[in-house]
Amino acid sequence: MGLTAMVVGSVSGFGMQMMNNALQKVPLSRKPWLHVTYFFVGGWVGQRWVRLEKELVMDINEIRADKGLPPLVGTNAMLGLKYVRQD
């Protein structure tokens, strides 16, 4: 999931700069350093999204445990054990 999120974020960042140039009706290759910058920023956002999602599910399960409720349905099974807290 992490690699996929990074690739999707990178392509989205690159595509965002291409769309920006297309909307401004300037050559698509104008300011190529921005294409590279948005590519890497998009990849970073994709990686951060995965970490944020993991932290959110773990926090929700902690709150549910404090209230005496079971963890979210499918936290471990459907999501491939990627949200298991390692103590």
PDB file of N, CA and C in Angstrom:
ATOM      1  N   MET A   1       0.827  -1.191   0.000  1.00  0.00           N
ATOM      2  CA  MET A   1       0.000   0.000   0.000  1.00  0.00           C
ATOM      3  C   MET A   1       0.864   1.244   0.000  1.00  0.00           C
ATOM      4  N   GLY A   2       1.995   1.215   0.678  1.00  0.00           N
ATOM      5  CA  GLY A   2       2.845   2.399   0.753  1.00  0.00           C
ATOM      6  C   GLY A   2       3.434   2.783  -0.587  1.00  0.00           C
ATOM      7  N   LEU A   3       3.907   1.790  -1.330  1.00  0.00           N
ATOM      8  CA  LEU A   3       4.479   2.077  -2.644  1.00  0.00           C
ATOM      9  C   LEU A   3       3.406   2.561  -3.606  1.00  0.00           C
ATOM     10  N   THR A   4       2.251   1.945  -3.562  1.00  0.00           N
ATOM     11  CA  THR A   4       1.148   2.363  -4.429  1.00  0.00           C
ATOM     12  C   THR A   4       0.729   3.790  -4.119  1.00  0.00           C
ATOM     13  N   ALA A   5       0.613   4.119  -2.838  1.00  0.00           N
ATOM     14  CA  ALA A   5       0.228   5.474  -2.449  1.00  0.00           C
ATOM     15  C   ALA A   5       1.282   6.484  -2.893  1.00  0.00           C
ATOM     16  N   MET A   6       2.551   6.103  -2.791  1.00  0.00           N
ATOM     17  CA  MET A   6       3.615   7.010  -3.215  1.00  0.00           C
ATOM     18  C   MET A   6       3.576   7.240  -4.719  1.00  0.00           C
ATOM     19  N   VAL A   7       3.359   6.180  -5.482  1.00  0.00           N
ATOM     20  CA  VAL A   7       3.294   6.317  -6.949  1.00  0.00           C
ATOM     21  C   VAL A   7       2.084   7.147  -7.357  1.00  0.00           C
ATOM     22  N   VAL A   8       0.931   6.873  -6.743  1.00  0.00           N
ATOM     23  CA  VAL A   8      -0.272   7.642  -7.069  1.00  0.00           C
ATOM     24  C   VAL A   8      -0.077   9.115  -6.694  1.00  0.00           C
ATOM     25  N   GLY A   9       0.512   9.375  -5.540  1.00  0.00           N
ATOM     26  CA  GLY A   9       0.779  10.753  -5.135  1.00  0.00           C
ATOM     27  C   GLY A   9       1.754  11.447  -6.066  1.00  0.00           C
ATOM     28  N   SER A  10       2.785  10.730  -6.486  1.00  0.00           N
ATOM     29  CA  SER A  10       3.777  11.318  -7.395  1.00  0.00           C
ATOM     30  C   SER A  10       3.167  11.650  -8.746  1.00  0.00           C
ATOM     31  N   VAL A  11       2.407  10.732  -9.283  1.00  0.00           N
ATOM     32  CA  VAL A  11       1.755  10.971 -10.576  1.00  0.00           C
ATOM     33  C   VAL A  11       0.731  12.097 -10.451  1.00  0.00           C
ATOM     34  N   SER A  12       0.034  12.156  -9.324  1.00  0.00           N
ATOM     35  CA  SER A  12      -0.933  13.231  -9.111  1.00  0.00           C
ATOM     36  C   SER A  12      -0.241  14.591  -9.031  1.00  0.00           C
ATOM     37  N   GLY A  13       0.890  14.654  -8.336  1.00  0.00           N
ATOM     38  CA  GLY A  13       1.632  15.912  -8.251  1.00  0.00           C
ATOM     39  C   GLY A  13       2.132  16.369  -9.606  1.00  0.00           C
ATOM     40  N   PHE A  14       2.674  15.447 -10.372  1.00  0.00           N
ATOM     41  CA  PHE A  14       3.143  15.760 -11.724  1.00  0.00           C
ATOM     42  C   PHE A  14       1.970  16.199 -12.602  1.00  0.00           C
ATOM     43  N   GLY A  15       0.863  15.466 -12.515  1.00  0.00           N
ATOM     44  CA  GLY A  15      -0.312  15.803 -13.306  1.00  0.00           C
ATOM     45  C   GLY A  15      -0.911  17.137 -12.914  1.00  0.00           C
ATOM     46  N   MET A  16      -0.804  17.485 -11.646  1.00  0.00           N
ATOM     47  CA  MET A  16      -1.303  18.775 -11.187  1.00  0.00           C
ATOM     48  C   MET A  16      -0.542  19.917 -11.855  1.00  0.00           C
ATOM     49  N   GLN A  17       0.769  19.785 -11.958  1.00  0.00           N
ATOM     50  CA  GLN A  17       1.565  20.821 -12.616  1.00  0.00           C
ATOM     51  C   GLN A  17       1.266  20.865 -14.119  1.00  0.00           C
ATOM     52  N   MET A  18       1.090  19.694 -14.730  1.00  0.00           N
ATOM     53  CA  MET A  18       0.743  19.668 -16.154  1.00  0.00           C
ATOM     54  C   MET A  18      -0.614  20.332 -16.394  1.00  0.00           C
ATOM     55  N   MET A  19      -1.587  20.048 -15.530  1.00  0.00           N
ATOM     56  CA  MET A  19      -2.908  20.656 -15.666  1.00  0.00           C
ATOM     57  C   MET A  19      -2.845  22.162 -15.439  1.00  0.00           C
ATOM     58  N   ASN A  20      -2.018  22.575 -14.507  1.00  0.00           N
ATOM     59  CA  ASN A  20      -1.847  24.000 -14.256  1.00  0.00           C
ATOM     60  C   ASN A  20      -1.321  24.705 -15.506  1.00  0.00           C
ATOM     61  N   ASN A  21      -0.315  24.112 -16.149  1.00  0.00           N
ATOM     62  CA  ASN A  21       0.219  24.701 -17.376  1.00  0.00           C
ATOM     63  C   ASN A  21      -0.809  24.672 -18.499  1.00  0.00           C
ATOM     64  N   ALA A  22      -1.589  23.599 -18.583  1.00  0.00           N
ATOM     65  CA  ALA A  22      -2.598  23.492 -19.639  1.00  0.00           C
ATOM     66  C   ALA A  22      -3.699  24.535 -19.447  1.00  0.00           C
ATOM     67  N   LEU A  23      -4.110  24.755 -18.205  1.00  0.00           N
ATOM     68  CA  LEU A  23      -5.150  25.750 -17.942  1.00  0.00           C
ATOM     69  C   LEU A  23      -4.666  27.168 -18.229  1.00  0.00           C
ATOM     70  N   GLN A  24      -3.380  27.400 -18.018  1.00  0.00           N
ATOM     71  CA  GLN A  24      -2.815  28.723 -18.309  1.00  0.00           C
ATOM     72  C   GLN A  24      -2.496  28.893 -19.791  1.00  0.00           C
ATOM     73  N   LYS A  25      -2.645  27.816 -20.555  1.00  0.00           N
ATOM     74  CA  LYS A  25      -2.357  27.801 -21.998  1.00  0.00           C
ATOM     75  C   LYS A  25      -0.925  28.242 -22.287  1.00  0.00           C
ATOM     76  N   VAL A  26      -0.007  27.686 -21.485  1.00  0.00           N
ATOM     77  CA  VAL A  26       1.422  27.885 -21.707  1.00  0.00           C
ATOM     78  C   VAL A  26       1.995  26.526 -22.104  1.00  0.00           C
ATOM     79  N   PRO A  27       3.196  26.476 -22.654  1.00  0.00           N
ATOM     80  CA  PRO A  27       3.776  25.166 -22.996  1.00  0.00           C
ATOM     81  C   PRO A  27       3.816  24.248 -21.769  1.00  0.00           C
ATOM     82  N   LEU A  28       3.492  22.980 -21.984  1.00  0.00           N
ATOM     83  CA  LEU A  28       3.407  22.038 -20.867  1.00  0.00           C
ATOM     84  C   LEU A  28       4.749  21.827 -20.182  1.00  0.00           C
ATOM     85  N   SER A  29       5.837  22.022 -20.911  1.00  0.00           N
ATOM     86  CA  SER A  29       7.164  21.802 -20.332  1.00  0.00           C
ATOM     87  C   SER A  29       7.750  23.070 -19.713  1.00  0.00           C
ATOM     88  N   ARG A  30       6.959  24.071 -19.513  1.00  0.00           N
ATOM     89  CA  ARG A  30       7.455  25.308 -18.919  1.00  0.00           C
ATOM     90  C   ARG A  30       7.769  25.064 -17.436  1.00  0.00           C
ATOM     91  N   LYS A  31       8.864  25.618 -16.958  1.00  0.00           N
ATOM     92  CA  LYS A  31       9.333  25.451 -15.577  1.00  0.00           C
ATOM     93  C   LYS A  31       9.399  23.974 -15.183  1.00  0.00           C
ATOM     94  N   PRO A  32      10.294  23.232 -15.794  1.00  0.00           N
ATOM     95  CA  PRO A  32      10.332  21.785 -15.517  1.00  0.00           C
ATOM     96  C   PRO A  32      10.714  21.448 -14.078  1.00  0.00           C
ATOM     97  N   TRP A  33      11.375  22.340 -13.363  1.00  0.00           N
ATOM     98  CA  TRP A  33      11.724  22.047 -11.977  1.00  0.00           C
ATOM     99  C   TRP A  33      10.464  21.934 -11.117  1.00  0.00           C
ATOM    100  N   LEU A  34       9.380  22.607 -11.510  1.00  0.00           N
ATOM    101  CA  LEU A  34       8.139  22.466 -10.758  1.00  0.00           C
ATOM    102  C   LEU A  34       7.514  21.087 -10.978  1.00  0.00           C
ATOM    103  N   HIS A  35       7.694  20.521 -12.169  1.00  0.00           N
ATOM    104  CA  HIS A  35       7.206  19.167 -12.413  1.00  0.00           C
ATOM    105  C   HIS A  35       7.884  18.191 -11.454  1.00  0.00           C
ATOM    106  N   VAL A  36       9.193  18.320 -11.311  1.00  0.00           N
ATOM    107  CA  VAL A  36       9.953  17.432 -10.430  1.00  0.00           C
ATOM    108  C   VAL A  36       9.581  17.685  -8.972  1.00  0.00           C
ATOM    109  N   THR A  37       9.448  18.952  -8.602  1.00  0.00           N
ATOM    110  CA  THR A  37       9.097  19.302  -7.221  1.00  0.00           C
ATOM    111  C   THR A  37       7.745  18.726  -6.842  1.00  0.00           C
ATOM    112  N   TYR A  38       6.746  18.929  -7.684  1.00  0.00           N
ATOM    113  CA  TYR A  38       5.413  18.407  -7.378  1.00  0.00           C
ATOM    114  C   TYR A  38       5.382  16.886  -7.425  1.00  0.00           C
ATOM    115  N   PHE A  39       6.221  16.283  -8.231  1.00  0.00           N
ATOM    116  CA  PHE A  39       6.327  14.822  -8.257  1.00  0.00           C
ATOM    117  C   PHE A  39       6.758  14.306  -6.886  1.00  0.00           C
ATOM    118  N   PHE A  40       7.819  14.912  -6.333  1.00  0.00           N
ATOM    119  CA  PHE A  40       8.312  14.453  -5.030  1.00  0.00           C
ATOM    120  C   PHE A  40       7.393  14.856  -3.888  1.00  0.00           C
ATOM    121  N   VAL A  41       6.801  16.025  -3.964  1.00  0.00           N
ATOM    122  CA  VAL A  41       5.853  16.444  -2.926  1.00  0.00           C
ATOM    123  C   VAL A  41       4.640  15.521  -2.932  1.00  0.00           C
ATOM    124  N   GLY A  42       4.148  15.157  -4.110  1.00  0.00           N
ATOM    125  CA  GLY A  42       3.028  14.233  -4.202  1.00  0.00           C
ATOM    126  C   GLY A  42       3.367  12.868  -3.619  1.00  0.00           C
ATOM    127  N   GLY A  43       4.584  12.393  -3.864  1.00  0.00           N
ATOM    128  CA  GLY A  43       5.023  11.125  -3.287  1.00  0.00           C
ATOM    129  C   GLY A  43       5.088  11.184  -1.775  1.00  0.00           C
ATOM    130  N   TRP A  44       5.564  12.301  -1.246  1.00  0.00           N
ATOM    131  CA  TRP A  44       5.632  12.471   0.208  1.00  0.00           C
ATOM    132  C   TRP A  44       4.231  12.492   0.809  1.00  0.00           C
ATOM    133  N   VAL A  45       3.315  13.194   0.159  1.00  0.00           N
ATOM    134  CA  VAL A  45       1.934  13.247   0.653  1.00  0.00           C
ATOM    135  C   VAL A  45       1.309  11.857   0.625  1.00  0.00           C
ATOM    136  N   GLY A  46       1.587  11.071  -0.413  1.00  0.00           N
ATOM    137  CA  GLY A  46       1.071   9.710  -0.477  1.00  0.00           C
ATOM    138  C   GLY A  46       1.577   8.855   0.668  1.00  0.00           C
ATOM    139  N   GLN A  47       2.856   8.965   0.988  1.00  0.00           N
ATOM    140  CA  GLN A  47       3.420   8.210   2.107  1.00  0.00           C
ATOM    141  C   GLN A  47       2.836   8.690   3.437  1.00  0.00           C
ATOM    142  N   ARG A  48       2.688   9.971   3.583  1.00  0.00           N
ATOM    143  CA  ARG A  48       2.142  10.531   4.828  1.00  0.00           C
ATOM    144  C   ARG A  48       0.694  10.095   5.014  1.00  0.00           C
ATOM    145  N   TRP A  49      -0.050   9.993   3.906  1.00  0.00           N
ATOM    146  CA  TRP A  49      -1.454   9.582   3.973  1.00  0.00           C
ATOM    147  C   TRP A  49      -1.572   8.181   4.571  1.00  0.00           C
ATOM    148  N   VAL A  50      -0.695   7.277   4.168  1.00  0.00           N
ATOM    149  CA  VAL A  50      -0.731   5.903   4.687  1.00  0.00           C
ATOM    150  C   VAL A  50      -0.436   5.906   6.188  1.00  0.00           C
ATOM    151  N   ARG A  51       0.577   6.666   6.612  1.00  0.00           N
ATOM    152  CA  ARG A  51       0.897   6.730   8.044  1.00  0.00           C
ATOM    153  C   ARG A  51      -0.253   7.341   8.838  1.00  0.00           C
ATOM    154  N   LEU A  52      -0.868   8.394   8.291  1.00  0.00           N
ATOM    155  CA  LEU A  52      -1.975   9.059   8.971  1.00  0.00           C
ATOM    156  C   LEU A  52      -3.170   8.126   9.111  1.00  0.00           C
ATOM    157  N   GLU A  53      -3.458   7.366   8.070  1.00  0.00           N
ATOM    158  CA  GLU A  53      -4.565   6.417   8.119  1.00  0.00           C
ATOM    159  C   GLU A  53      -4.312   5.344   9.172  1.00  0.00           C
ATOM    160  N   LYS A  54      -3.098   4.850   9.246  1.00  0.00           N
ATOM    161  CA  LYS A  54      -2.748   3.828  10.232  1.00  0.00           C
ATOM    162  C   LYS A  54      -2.899   4.381  11.649  1.00  0.00           C
ATOM    163  N   GLU A  55      -2.384   5.580  11.887  1.00  0.00           N
ATOM    164  CA  GLU A  55      -2.491   6.188  13.209  1.00  0.00           C
ATOM    165  C   GLU A  55      -3.943   6.429  13.587  1.00  0.00           C
ATOM    166  N   LEU A  56      -4.762   6.850  12.624  1.00  0.00           N
ATOM    167  CA  LEU A  56      -6.164   7.120  12.893  1.00  0.00           C
ATOM    168  C   LEU A  56      -6.909   5.856  13.302  1.00  0.00           C
ATOM    169  N   VAL A  57      -6.700   4.763  12.593  1.00  0.00           N
ATOM    170  CA  VAL A  57      -7.373   3.506  12.932  1.00  0.00           C
ATOM    171  C   VAL A  57      -6.912   3.012  14.294  1.00  0.00           C
ATOM    172  N   MET A  58      -5.638   3.149  14.590  1.00  0.00           N
ATOM    173  CA  MET A  58      -5.146   2.715  15.895  1.00  0.00           C
ATOM    174  C   MET A  58      -5.737   3.572  17.016  1.00  0.00           C
ATOM    175  N   ASP A  59      -5.855   4.880  16.803  1.00  0.00           N
ATOM    176  CA  ASP A  59      -6.467   5.755  17.809  1.00  0.00           C
ATOM    177  C   ASP A  59      -7.943   5.425  18.010  1.00  0.00           C
ATOM    178  N   ILE A  60      -8.648   5.172  16.915  1.00  0.00           N
ATOM    179  CA  ILE A  60     -10.063   4.819  17.027  1.00  0.00           C
ATOM    180  C   ILE A  60     -10.221   3.524  17.813  1.00  0.00           C
ATOM    181  N   ASN A  61      -9.359   2.552  17.552  1.00  0.00           N
ATOM    182  CA  ASN A  61      -9.448   1.286  18.298  1.00  0.00           C
ATOM    183  C   ASN A  61      -9.129   1.481  19.774  1.00  0.00           C
ATOM    184  N   GLU A  62      -8.207   2.388  20.104  1.00  0.00           N
ATOM    185  CA  GLU A  62      -7.914   2.676  21.513  1.00  0.00           C
ATOM    186  C   GLU A  62      -9.117   3.319  22.198  1.00  0.00           C
ATOM    187  N   ILE A  63      -9.769   4.253  21.509  1.00  0.00           N
ATOM    188  CA  ILE A  63     -10.954   4.905  22.082  1.00  0.00           C
ATOM    189  C   ILE A  63     -12.062   3.880  22.290  1.00  0.00           C
ATOM    190  N   ARG A  64     -12.237   3.006  21.302  1.00  0.00           N
ATOM    191  CA  ARG A  64     -13.263   1.970  21.432  1.00  0.00           C
ATOM    192  C   ARG A  64     -12.930   1.015  22.579  1.00  0.00           C
ATOM    193  N   ALA A  65     -11.652   0.708  22.767  1.00  0.00           N
ATOM    194  CA  ALA A  65     -11.258  -0.183  23.867  1.00  0.00           C
ATOM    195  C   ALA A  65     -11.522   0.485  25.213  1.00  0.00           C
ATOM    196  N   ASP A  66     -11.276   1.798  25.315  1.00  0.00           N
ATOM    197  CA  ASP A  66     -11.552   2.517  26.560  1.00  0.00           C
ATOM    198  C   ASP A  66     -13.040   2.502  26.902  1.00  0.00           C
ATOM    199  N   LYS A  67     -13.873   2.500  25.889  1.00  0.00           N
ATOM    200  CA  LYS A  67     -15.323   2.469  26.114  1.00  0.00           C
ATOM    201  C   LYS A  67     -15.859   1.054  26.274  1.00  0.00           C
ATOM    202  N   GLY A  68     -14.990   0.056  26.152  1.00  0.00           N
ATOM    203  CA  GLY A  68     -15.410  -1.323  26.305  1.00  0.00           C
ATOM    204  C   GLY A  68     -15.979  -1.927  25.030  1.00  0.00           C
ATOM    205  N   LEU A  69     -15.735  -1.311  23.907  1.00  0.00           N
ATOM    206  CA  LEU A  69     -16.232  -1.810  22.628  1.00  0.00           C
ATOM    207  C   LEU A  69     -15.139  -2.609  21.931  1.00  0.00           C
ATOM    208  N   PRO A  70     -15.520  -3.518  21.046  1.00  0.00           N
ATOM    209  CA  PRO A  70     -14.493  -4.259  20.291  1.00  0.00           C
ATOM    210  C   PRO A  70     -13.853  -3.368  19.234  1.00  0.00           C
ATOM    211  N   PRO A  71     -12.704  -3.772  18.691  1.00  0.00           N
ATOM    212  CA  PRO A  71     -12.069  -2.977  17.628  1.00  0.00           C
ATOM    213  C   PRO A  71     -12.962  -2.901  16.393  1.00  0.00           C
ATOM    214  N   LEU A  72     -12.629  -2.015  15.495  1.00  0.00           N
ATOM    215  CA  LEU A  72     -13.384  -1.892  14.254  1.00  0.00           C
ATOM    216  C   LEU A  72     -13.452  -3.230  13.534  1.00  0.00           C
ATOM    217  N   VAL A  73     -14.568  -3.491  12.903  1.00  0.00           N
ATOM    218  CA  VAL A  73     -14.762  -4.751  12.187  1.00  0.00           C
ATOM    219  C   VAL A  73     -13.769  -4.823  11.038  1.00  0.00           C
ATOM    220  N   GLY A  74     -13.025  -5.903  10.973  1.00  0.00           N
ATOM    221  CA  GLY A  74     -12.095  -6.118   9.877  1.00  0.00           C
ATOM    222  C   GLY A  74     -10.790  -5.362   9.987  1.00  0.00           C
ATOM    223  N   THR A  75     -10.476  -4.796  11.138  1.00  0.00           N
ATOM    224  CA  THR A  75      -9.229  -4.049  11.276  1.00  0.00           C
ATOM    225  C   THR A  75      -8.031  -4.914  10.939  1.00  0.00           C
ATOM    226  N   ASN A  76      -8.025  -6.144  11.460  1.00  0.00           N
ATOM    227  CA  ASN A  76      -6.882  -7.023  11.228  1.00  0.00           C
ATOM    228  C   ASN A  76      -7.074  -7.900   9.993  1.00  0.00           C
ATOM    229  N   ALA A  77      -8.264  -8.436   9.800  1.00  0.00           N
ATOM    230  CA  ALA A  77      -8.485  -9.399   8.730  1.00  0.00           C
ATOM    231  C   ALA A  77      -8.569  -8.732   7.355  1.00  0.00           C
ATOM    232  N   MET A  78      -9.423  -7.741   7.213  1.00  0.00           N
ATOM    233  CA  MET A  78      -9.631  -7.132   5.898  1.00  0.00           C
ATOM    234  C   MET A  78      -8.445  -6.282   5.464  1.00  0.00           C
ATOM    235  N   LEU A  79      -7.771  -5.673   6.410  1.00  0.00           N
ATOM    236  CA  LEU A  79      -6.676  -4.766   6.068  1.00  0.00           C
ATOM    237  C   LEU A  79      -5.319  -5.444   6.101  1.00  0.00           C
ATOM    238  N   GLY A  80      -5.281  -6.746   6.187  1.00  0.00           N
ATOM    239  CA  GLY A  80      -4.030  -7.488   6.051  1.00  0.00           C
ATOM    240  C   GLY A  80      -3.059  -7.330   7.197  1.00  0.00           C
ATOM    241  N   LEU A  81      -3.537  -7.192   8.399  1.00  0.00           N
ATOM    242  CA  LEU A  81      -2.715  -7.086   9.615  1.00  0.00           C
ATOM    243  C   LEU A  81      -1.761  -5.909   9.591  1.00  0.00           C
ATOM    244  N   LYS A  82      -2.015  -4.911   8.791  1.00  0.00           N
ATOM    245  CA  LYS A  82      -1.101  -3.778   8.751  1.00  0.00           C
ATOM    246  C   LYS A  82      -1.374  -2.765   9.842  1.00  0.00           C
ATOM    247  N   TYR A  83      -2.477  -2.928  10.564  1.00  0.00           N
ATOM    248  CA  TYR A  83      -2.794  -1.983  11.634  1.00  0.00           C
ATOM    249  C   TYR A  83      -2.618  -2.588  13.021  1.00  0.00           C
ATOM    250  N   VAL A  84      -1.848  -3.645  13.136  1.00  0.00           N
ATOM    251  CA  VAL A  84      -1.615  -4.271  14.422  1.00  0.00           C
ATOM    252  C   VAL A  84      -0.551  -3.464  15.168  1.00  0.00           C
ATOM    253  N   ARG A  85      -0.870  -3.091  16.393  1.00  0.00           N
ATOM    254  CA  ARG A  85       0.093  -2.330  17.199  1.00  0.00           C
ATOM    255  C   ARG A  85       1.167  -3.275  17.698  1.00  0.00           C
ATOM    256  N   GLN A  86       2.414  -2.918  17.514  1.00  0.00           N
ATOM    257  CA  GLN A  86       3.529  -3.752  17.955  1.00  0.00           C
ATOM    258  C   GLN A  86       4.081  -3.196  19.251  1.00  0.00           C
ATOM    259  N   ASP A  87       3.764  -3.875  20.360  1.00  0.00           N
ATOM    260  CA  ASP A  87       4.219  -3.410  21.681  1.00  0.00           C
ATOM    261  C   ASP A  87       5.421  -4.196  22.135  1.00  0.00           C
TER     262      ASP A  87
END
